[in-house]
């Protein structure tokens, strides 16, 4: 293939761009995973990741994709034949349901339109009807990567409490951790699932379970067969910084670096940056006269924006044109949304100029693909970015003064 100048624009909602600093951190010789140097690395990674989940409780790290962390959450807390409450918020909620059913879990799967998140009122109503407490867990996706819809986890926790129900709360944060404010302990989550390849800015290969005391107690009494995913096997070695099997050593170097980078910027500043880029992207979409898939502004994702094309126009054709002409990858529509939407990832190692270039590429692609739109969406986003940058500069100057 002929050389293409410049860097590829990877604007899918994960895996995200890996910063050079993290790549350099991982570029080390492999060390003995039973030796003292590794123990120090393991403890630094295991302690540091707690600060990103905002928890004082254990976080287990697996050499796996996010799907592995889904499975670990299920097999450690539930038994075959248990009943759970889930919501059809998009493609990944559906996949998690499918995985649970393979383990003999009975899923009350509340239908959805893929344009809204979990309805807290429906959670409370369903649990209030379950007077025998046969529902053992509520399972929710915090940020649905297929739709750009973020469910409100604190309100779901409040709904469970209002119903007086003992169900566990299991939450997928694969595309929100490190990008959208999340508080495992404060929000009363029992198991938080995540992965390395999105807001944590790492390559794929690490997955996580943050575990409450209630979830750990459930793992000691449930009847689900498990081996690789067993939290109990992790607990002893993890206390000394080790793992019960060969860990992804070099990815752990990258994880420690990623945690340092997030704290150097400040988690609140990281979340504010993602909020600002998401708002600018939505202004571009409305400026083009197109439709943001998420319908409720309270549920807008700050990690990505899914854009719905007019009927009769193929989002995959648009993505191909943009890739061929501008060397930029955008996210595909998944499941029910295949060919109908494209997804703009604006999470991870991302700045104003990256977003401006991304949106300019989309606008040029819309023109080349012959998709009806208004010009000037990218300009509207840049105006928003300039205003946001000016406001941030004023806040910084006032703080220094």
Protein backbone atom coordinates (compact mmCIF):
# COMPACT_ATOMS: atom_id res chain seq x y z
CA UNK A 1 0.00 0.00 0.00
CA UNK A 2 1.15 3.56 -0.71
CA UNK A 3 2.31 5.63 2.23
CA UNK A 4 -0.26 8.11 3.58
CA UNK A 5 1.20 11.23 5.13
CA UNK A 6 0.08 12.41 8.52
CA UNK A 7 -1.43 10.42 11.37
CA UNK A 8 -4.53 8.31 11.09
CA UNK A 9 -7.49 9.90 12.88
CA UNK A 10 -8.91 7.17 15.13
CA UNK A 11 -12.22 8.72 16.19
CA UNK A 12 -14.13 5.58 17.10
CA UNK A 13 -15.42 5.33 20.68
CA UNK A 14 -12.70 2.85 21.59
CA UNK A 15 -10.12 1.58 21.35
CA UNK A 16 -8.91 5.15 21.62
CA UNK A 17 -5.64 6.81 20.72
CA UNK A 18 -2.79 5.69 23.00
CA UNK A 19 -0.61 8.64 24.06
CA UNK A 20 3.10 8.43 23.26
CA UNK A 21 3.83 8.75 26.97
CA UNK A 22 1.93 5.52 27.68
CA UNK A 23 3.53 3.75 24.72
CA UNK A 24 6.94 4.67 26.11
CA UNK A 25 5.96 3.46 29.58
CA UNK A 26 5.06 0.05 28.14
CA UNK A 27 8.25 -0.19 26.07
CA UNK A 28 10.23 -2.06 28.71
CA UNK A 29 11.77 -5.49 29.04
CA UNK A 30 9.46 -8.10 30.50
CA UNK A 31 10.23 -8.76 34.17
CA UNK A 32 9.76 -11.72 36.49
CA UNK A 33 6.11 -11.63 37.54
CA UNK A 34 7.05 -13.45 40.76
CA UNK A 35 9.88 -11.08 41.71
CA UNK A 36 10.07 -8.02 43.99
CA UNK A 37 10.11 -5.50 41.12
CA UNK A 38 6.80 -6.83 39.88
CA UNK A 39 5.31 -6.75 43.39
CA UNK A 40 5.96 -3.00 43.50
CA UNK A 41 4.40 -2.54 40.04
CA UNK A 42 1.38 -4.66 40.92
CA UNK A 43 0.67 -2.81 44.13
CA UNK A 44 1.01 0.57 42.40
CA UNK A 45 -1.46 -0.48 39.70
CA UNK A 46 -3.96 -2.09 42.11
CA UNK A 47 -3.89 0.87 44.50
CA UNK A 48 -3.92 3.48 41.76
CA UNK A 49 -6.90 2.11 39.86
CA UNK A 50 -9.04 2.46 43.00
CA UNK A 51 -8.68 6.23 42.73
CA UNK A 52 -10.18 6.19 39.23
CA UNK A 53 -13.17 4.09 40.32
CA UNK A 54 -13.38 6.29 43.45
CA UNK A 55 -13.48 3.32 45.78
CA UNK A 56 -11.75 2.08 48.90
CA UNK A 57 -12.79 -1.48 48.06
CA UNK A 58 -10.82 -4.06 46.03
CA UNK A 59 -10.46 -3.73 42.27
CA UNK A 60 -9.56 -6.94 40.43
CA UNK A 61 -7.56 -6.64 37.20
CA UNK A 62 -7.85 -9.33 34.54
CA UNK A 63 -5.83 -9.84 31.35
CA UNK A 64 -9.00 -9.74 29.25
CA UNK A 65 -11.36 -7.57 27.25
CA UNK A 66 -14.41 -5.96 28.79
CA UNK A 67 -16.43 -9.07 27.95
CA UNK A 68 -14.28 -10.98 30.42
CA UNK A 69 -15.11 -8.45 33.12
CA UNK A 70 -18.82 -8.87 32.29
CA UNK A 71 -18.47 -12.61 32.80
CA UNK A 72 -16.49 -12.18 36.03
CA UNK A 73 -19.20 -9.96 37.49
CA UNK A 74 -21.85 -12.57 36.71
CA UNK A 75 -20.08 -15.75 37.81
CA UNK A 76 -18.91 -14.27 41.11
CA UNK A 77 -22.28 -12.91 42.26
CA UNK A 78 -25.05 -15.01 40.72
CA UNK A 79 -26.14 -18.64 40.65
CA UNK A 80 -27.74 -20.64 37.83
CA UNK A 81 -31.48 -19.95 37.82
CA UNK A 82 -31.17 -16.52 39.46
CA UNK A 83 -33.31 -13.68 38.14
CA UNK A 84 -31.94 -10.25 37.22
CA UNK A 85 -33.41 -6.97 35.98
CA UNK A 86 -31.83 -5.45 32.85
CA UNK A 87 -32.77 -2.72 30.38
CA UNK A 88 -32.50 -2.64 26.58
CA UNK A 89 -30.53 0.58 26.26
CA UNK A 90 -28.51 -0.54 23.24
CA UNK A 91 -26.27 -3.13 21.64
CA UNK A 92 -23.97 -3.70 24.59
CA UNK A 93 -26.77 -4.04 27.13
CA UNK A 94 -28.20 -6.69 24.81
CA UNK A 95 -24.87 -8.52 24.58
CA UNK A 96 -24.50 -8.52 28.39
CA UNK A 97 -28.01 -9.98 28.64
CA UNK A 98 -27.07 -12.69 26.13
CA UNK A 99 -23.97 -13.56 28.12
CA UNK A 100 -25.94 -13.81 31.37
CA UNK A 101 -28.46 -16.14 29.78
CA UNK A 102 -25.67 -18.52 28.75
CA UNK A 103 -25.01 -19.04 32.45
CA UNK A 104 -28.63 -19.93 33.15
CA UNK A 105 -29.59 -16.49 34.45
CA UNK A 106 -33.22 -15.47 33.90
CA UNK A 107 -33.21 -11.89 32.61
CA UNK A 108 -36.19 -9.57 32.95
CA UNK A 109 -35.13 -7.47 29.94
CA UNK A 110 -37.15 -4.27 29.80
CA UNK A 111 -37.59 -3.22 26.13
CA UNK A 112 -36.20 0.13 25.03
CA UNK A 113 -35.91 2.33 21.95
CA UNK A 114 -32.07 2.63 22.07
CA UNK A 115 -32.47 6.40 22.45
CA UNK A 116 -32.99 6.54 26.22
CA UNK A 117 -31.16 5.18 29.24
CA UNK A 118 -32.41 3.15 32.17
CA UNK A 119 -35.63 4.60 33.61
CA UNK A 120 -35.19 4.87 37.40
CA UNK A 121 -38.98 4.91 37.89
CA UNK A 122 -39.23 1.59 36.06
CA UNK A 123 -36.48 0.17 38.28
CA UNK A 124 -38.39 1.15 41.41
CA UNK A 125 -41.71 -0.14 40.08
CA UNK A 126 -40.28 -3.51 39.00
CA UNK A 127 -38.50 -4.04 42.31
CA UNK A 128 -41.51 -2.96 44.35
CA UNK A 129 -43.55 -5.65 42.60
CA UNK A 130 -40.92 -8.27 43.52
CA UNK A 131 -42.11 -8.77 47.09
CA UNK A 132 -40.37 -12.14 47.32
CA UNK A 133 -37.03 -10.57 46.37
CA UNK A 134 -36.48 -13.09 43.59
CA UNK A 135 -34.54 -10.47 41.58
CA UNK A 136 -30.93 -10.84 42.67
CA UNK A 137 -29.35 -8.00 40.72
CA UNK A 138 -30.02 -4.91 38.64
CA UNK A 139 -27.55 -4.78 35.73
CA UNK A 140 -27.07 -1.50 33.85
CA UNK A 141 -24.73 0.00 31.29
CA UNK A 142 -23.60 3.43 32.47
CA UNK A 143 -22.59 4.73 29.04
CA UNK A 144 -24.03 2.77 26.12
CA UNK A 145 -21.25 2.85 23.53
CA UNK A 146 -23.59 1.97 20.68
CA UNK A 147 -25.94 4.92 21.22
CA UNK A 148 -24.20 7.73 23.10
CA UNK A 149 -26.74 7.52 25.93
CA UNK A 150 -25.57 7.70 29.56
CA UNK A 151 -27.85 6.25 32.24
CA UNK A 152 -28.02 8.03 35.60
CA UNK A 153 -26.54 5.54 38.05
CA UNK A 154 -27.21 7.55 41.26
CA UNK A 155 -30.92 7.65 40.39
CA UNK A 156 -30.93 3.90 39.79
CA UNK A 157 -29.33 3.39 43.21
CA UNK A 158 -31.97 5.66 44.75
CA UNK A 159 -34.71 3.65 43.03
CA UNK A 160 -33.38 0.37 44.44
CA UNK A 161 -33.25 1.90 47.92
CA UNK A 162 -36.73 3.43 47.58
CA UNK A 163 -38.12 0.00 46.76
CA UNK A 164 -36.41 -1.43 49.84
CA UNK A 165 -34.94 -4.16 47.69
CA UNK A 166 -31.71 -6.09 48.45
CA UNK A 167 -30.72 -6.58 44.78
CA UNK A 168 -27.10 -6.06 43.88
CA UNK A 169 -26.26 -3.23 41.46
CA UNK A 170 -23.89 -4.24 38.64
CA UNK A 171 -22.74 -1.45 36.30
CA UNK A 172 -20.76 -1.46 33.04
CA UNK A 173 -18.46 1.60 32.76
CA UNK A 174 -16.38 0.34 29.84
CA UNK A 175 -16.80 3.55 27.83
CA UNK A 176 -17.24 5.96 30.73
CA UNK A 177 -14.50 5.26 33.29
CA UNK A 178 -11.95 8.06 33.08
CA UNK A 179 -14.23 10.09 30.79
CA UNK A 180 -17.46 10.69 32.72
CA UNK A 181 -17.71 11.26 36.47
CA UNK A 182 -18.22 7.92 38.22
CA UNK A 183 -18.24 7.10 41.95
CA UNK A 184 -18.34 3.42 42.84
CA UNK A 185 -18.54 3.82 46.63
CA UNK A 186 -20.63 6.99 46.85
CA UNK A 187 -23.23 5.68 44.41
CA UNK A 188 -23.56 2.34 46.17
CA UNK A 189 -22.53 0.19 43.22
CA UNK A 190 -21.75 -3.44 44.04
CA UNK A 191 -19.75 -4.43 40.96
CA UNK A 192 -18.34 -1.96 38.45
CA UNK A 193 -17.07 -3.43 35.18
CA UNK A 194 -14.58 -1.64 32.93
CA UNK A 195 -11.81 -2.01 30.36
CA UNK A 196 -8.48 -0.44 29.48
CA UNK A 197 -9.01 0.70 25.90
CA UNK A 198 -11.22 3.77 26.20
CA UNK A 199 -10.98 6.52 28.84
CA UNK A 200 -7.89 4.89 30.37
CA UNK A 201 -6.09 5.45 27.02
CA UNK A 202 -4.46 2.00 26.92
CA UNK A 203 -4.52 -0.69 24.26
CA UNK A 204 -7.14 -3.42 24.73
CA UNK A 205 -6.14 -6.20 27.11
CA UNK A 206 -7.00 -5.24 30.70
CA UNK A 207 -10.42 -5.44 32.33
CA UNK A 208 -11.60 -4.61 35.82
CA UNK A 209 -14.12 -5.47 38.54
CA UNK A 210 -14.52 -3.00 41.41
CA UNK A 211 -16.20 -4.95 44.20
CA UNK A 212 -18.30 -3.89 47.21
CA UNK A 213 -18.34 -5.79 50.49
CA UNK A 214 -21.89 -6.93 49.69
CA UNK A 215 -20.78 -8.33 46.33
CA UNK A 216 -17.80 -10.07 47.92
CA UNK A 217 -20.14 -11.70 50.43
CA UNK A 218 -22.37 -12.84 47.58
CA UNK A 219 -19.37 -14.42 45.86
CA UNK A 220 -18.73 -16.61 48.88
CA UNK A 221 -22.20 -18.15 48.80
CA UNK A 222 -23.20 -18.29 45.11
CA UNK A 223 -23.18 -21.57 43.20
CA UNK A 224 -21.82 -20.57 39.81
CA UNK A 225 -18.84 -22.65 38.60
CA UNK A 226 -15.78 -20.51 37.93
CA UNK A 227 -12.02 -20.73 37.87
CA UNK A 228 -10.15 -18.07 35.87
CA UNK A 229 -12.54 -15.33 37.02
CA UNK A 230 -12.72 -16.26 40.72
CA UNK A 231 -12.30 -13.21 42.95
CA UNK A 232 -11.19 -15.40 45.85
CA UNK A 233 -8.20 -16.63 43.87
CA UNK A 234 -7.18 -13.03 43.20
CA UNK A 235 -7.54 -11.73 46.76
CA UNK A 236 -4.53 -13.32 48.43
CA UNK A 237 -1.89 -12.69 45.74
CA UNK A 238 -3.21 -9.16 45.08
CA UNK A 239 -2.51 -8.13 48.68
CA UNK A 240 1.21 -8.58 47.97
CA UNK A 241 0.99 -7.10 44.43
CA UNK A 242 0.91 -10.45 42.65
CA UNK A 243 -1.59 -12.36 40.52
CA UNK A 244 -2.59 -16.06 40.56
CA UNK A 245 -1.59 -16.43 36.91
CA UNK A 246 0.63 -14.62 34.42
CA UNK A 247 -0.48 -10.96 34.26
CA UNK A 248 -0.23 -8.53 31.34
CA UNK A 249 2.96 -7.02 32.74
CA UNK A 250 3.65 -4.32 30.17
CA UNK A 251 0.04 -3.18 30.12
CA UNK A 252 0.32 -2.68 33.89
CA UNK A 253 3.24 -0.29 33.27
CA UNK A 254 0.94 1.59 30.91
CA UNK A 255 -1.91 1.57 33.43
CA UNK A 256 0.27 3.18 36.10
CA UNK A 257 1.28 5.86 33.61
CA UNK A 258 -2.34 6.44 32.56
CA UNK A 259 -3.43 6.86 36.18
CA UNK A 260 -0.63 9.39 36.71
CA UNK A 261 -1.71 11.33 33.61
CA UNK A 262 -5.35 11.47 34.71
CA UNK A 263 -4.39 12.78 38.15
CA UNK A 264 -1.91 15.29 36.73
CA UNK A 265 -4.72 16.82 34.69
CA UNK A 266 -7.14 16.30 37.59
CA UNK A 267 -10.17 14.05 37.29
CA UNK A 268 -12.61 16.96 37.50
CA UNK A 269 -10.73 18.72 34.69
CA UNK A 270 -10.74 15.50 32.65
CA UNK A 271 -14.52 15.22 33.00
CA UNK A 272 -15.01 18.92 32.19
CA UNK A 273 -12.89 18.51 29.03
CA UNK A 274 -15.01 15.59 27.89
CA UNK A 275 -18.21 17.52 28.65
CA UNK A 276 -16.99 20.47 26.59
CA UNK A 277 -15.99 18.36 23.61
CA UNK A 278 -19.30 16.52 23.70
CA UNK A 279 -21.26 19.78 23.75
CA UNK A 280 -19.24 21.16 20.84
CA UNK A 281 -19.87 17.97 18.86
CA UNK A 282 -23.61 18.17 19.45
CA UNK A 283 -23.57 21.79 18.26
CA UNK A 284 -21.91 20.61 15.06
CA UNK A 285 -24.55 17.92 14.56
CA UNK A 286 -27.44 20.33 15.04
CA UNK A 287 -25.61 22.88 12.89
CA UNK A 288 -25.58 20.34 10.06
CA UNK A 289 -29.32 19.84 10.52
CA UNK A 290 -28.79 16.22 11.58
CA UNK A 291 -30.09 14.45 14.66
CA UNK A 292 -28.27 13.36 17.81
CA UNK A 293 -29.48 9.84 18.56
CA UNK A 294 -29.83 10.43 22.31
CA UNK A 295 -33.12 12.21 22.97
CA UNK A 296 -32.86 13.28 26.62
CA UNK A 297 -30.26 16.01 27.30
CA UNK A 298 -29.86 14.66 30.84
CA UNK A 299 -28.58 11.43 29.28
CA UNK A 300 -26.16 12.86 26.70
CA UNK A 301 -22.85 11.00 26.69
CA UNK A 302 -19.61 12.89 27.09
CA UNK A 303 -17.61 9.99 25.58
CA UNK A 304 -19.20 9.84 22.15
CA UNK A 305 -21.98 11.18 19.98
CA UNK A 306 -24.11 8.92 17.76
CA UNK A 307 -25.49 10.77 14.71
CA UNK A 308 -28.68 9.59 12.98
CA UNK A 309 -28.73 10.05 9.21
CA UNK A 310 -31.88 10.87 7.21
CA UNK A 311 -33.84 7.91 5.86
CA UNK A 312 -32.42 6.54 2.63
CA UNK A 313 -28.81 7.43 3.42
CA UNK A 314 -26.19 4.84 4.38
CA UNK A 315 -23.97 5.72 7.34
CA UNK A 316 -21.50 2.97 6.44
CA UNK A 317 -21.02 4.47 2.97
CA UNK A 318 -20.31 7.84 4.61
CA UNK A 319 -17.75 6.20 6.91
CA UNK A 320 -16.03 4.53 3.94
CA UNK A 321 -15.78 7.83 2.06
CA UNK A 322 -14.30 9.59 5.09
CA UNK A 323 -11.80 6.78 5.66
CA UNK A 324 -10.73 6.70 2.01
CA UNK A 325 -10.43 10.48 1.56
CA UNK A 326 -9.29 11.68 4.97
CA UNK A 327 -7.82 8.61 6.70
CA UNK A 328 -10.26 8.95 9.59
CA UNK A 329 -12.13 6.10 11.26
CA UNK A 330 -15.59 6.74 12.73
CA UNK A 331 -17.67 4.28 14.72
CA UNK A 332 -20.21 2.10 12.92
CA UNK A 333 -23.85 1.66 13.80
CA UNK A 334 -24.28 -1.60 15.72
CA UNK A 335 -27.18 -4.04 15.93
CA UNK A 336 -30.48 -2.31 15.18
CA UNK A 337 -28.60 0.85 14.23
CA UNK A 338 -26.36 -0.68 11.54
CA UNK A 339 -26.17 1.63 8.53
CA UNK A 340 -28.38 4.22 10.22
CA UNK A 341 -25.91 6.01 12.50
CA UNK A 342 -22.23 6.84 12.71
CA UNK A 343 -20.50 7.47 15.99
CA UNK A 344 -17.93 10.15 16.77
CA UNK A 345 -15.63 9.19 19.63
CA UNK A 346 -14.35 12.17 21.64
CA UNK A 347 -12.81 10.46 24.66
CA UNK A 348 -9.40 9.67 26.01
CA UNK A 349 -6.31 11.55 24.81
CA UNK A 350 -8.18 14.26 22.97
CA UNK A 351 -7.96 18.05 22.61
CA UNK A 352 -9.69 20.95 20.88
CA UNK A 353 -7.69 20.76 17.66
CA UNK A 354 -8.28 17.02 17.38
CA UNK A 355 -12.01 17.63 17.66
CA UNK A 356 -11.94 20.51 15.17
CA UNK A 357 -10.13 18.31 12.65
CA UNK A 358 -12.53 15.44 13.26
CA UNK A 359 -15.63 17.55 12.72
CA UNK A 360 -14.16 19.21 9.64
CA UNK A 361 -13.54 15.75 8.19
CA UNK A 362 -17.13 14.74 8.91
CA UNK A 363 -18.49 17.89 7.27
CA UNK A 364 -16.41 17.33 4.14
CA UNK A 365 -17.53 13.71 4.11
CA UNK A 366 -21.20 14.67 4.31
CA UNK A 367 -20.72 16.84 1.22
CA UNK A 368 -18.87 14.11 -0.70
CA UNK A 369 -21.48 11.50 0.23
CA UNK A 370 -24.35 13.71 -0.95
CA UNK A 371 -26.09 13.63 2.43
CA UNK A 372 -28.51 16.56 2.90
CA UNK A 373 -27.08 18.91 5.49
CA UNK A 374 -26.38 22.55 6.22
CA UNK A 375 -22.83 23.88 6.06
CA UNK A 376 -21.21 25.36 9.11
CA UNK A 377 -21.56 22.66 11.76
CA UNK A 378 -17.80 22.49 12.27
CA UNK A 379 -17.71 26.30 12.58
CA UNK A 380 -20.42 26.16 15.27
CA UNK A 381 -18.35 23.62 17.19
CA UNK A 382 -15.23 25.79 16.90
CA UNK A 383 -17.15 28.79 18.23
CA UNK A 384 -18.20 26.69 21.20
CA UNK A 385 -14.63 25.51 21.76
CA UNK A 386 -13.29 29.06 21.61
CA UNK A 387 -15.86 30.23 24.13
CA UNK A 388 -15.14 27.32 26.42
CA UNK A 389 -11.39 27.84 26.19
CA UNK A 390 -11.76 31.53 26.99
CA UNK A 391 -13.92 30.79 30.02
CA UNK A 392 -11.42 28.21 31.25
CA UNK A 393 -8.57 30.71 30.83
CA UNK A 394 -10.49 33.27 32.89
CA UNK A 395 -11.09 30.72 35.65
CA UNK A 396 -7.41 29.77 35.65
CA UNK A 397 -6.31 33.42 35.81
CA UNK A 398 -8.68 34.11 38.69
CA UNK A 399 -7.35 31.11 40.59
CA UNK A 400 -3.73 32.23 40.08
CA UNK A 401 -4.58 35.80 41.13
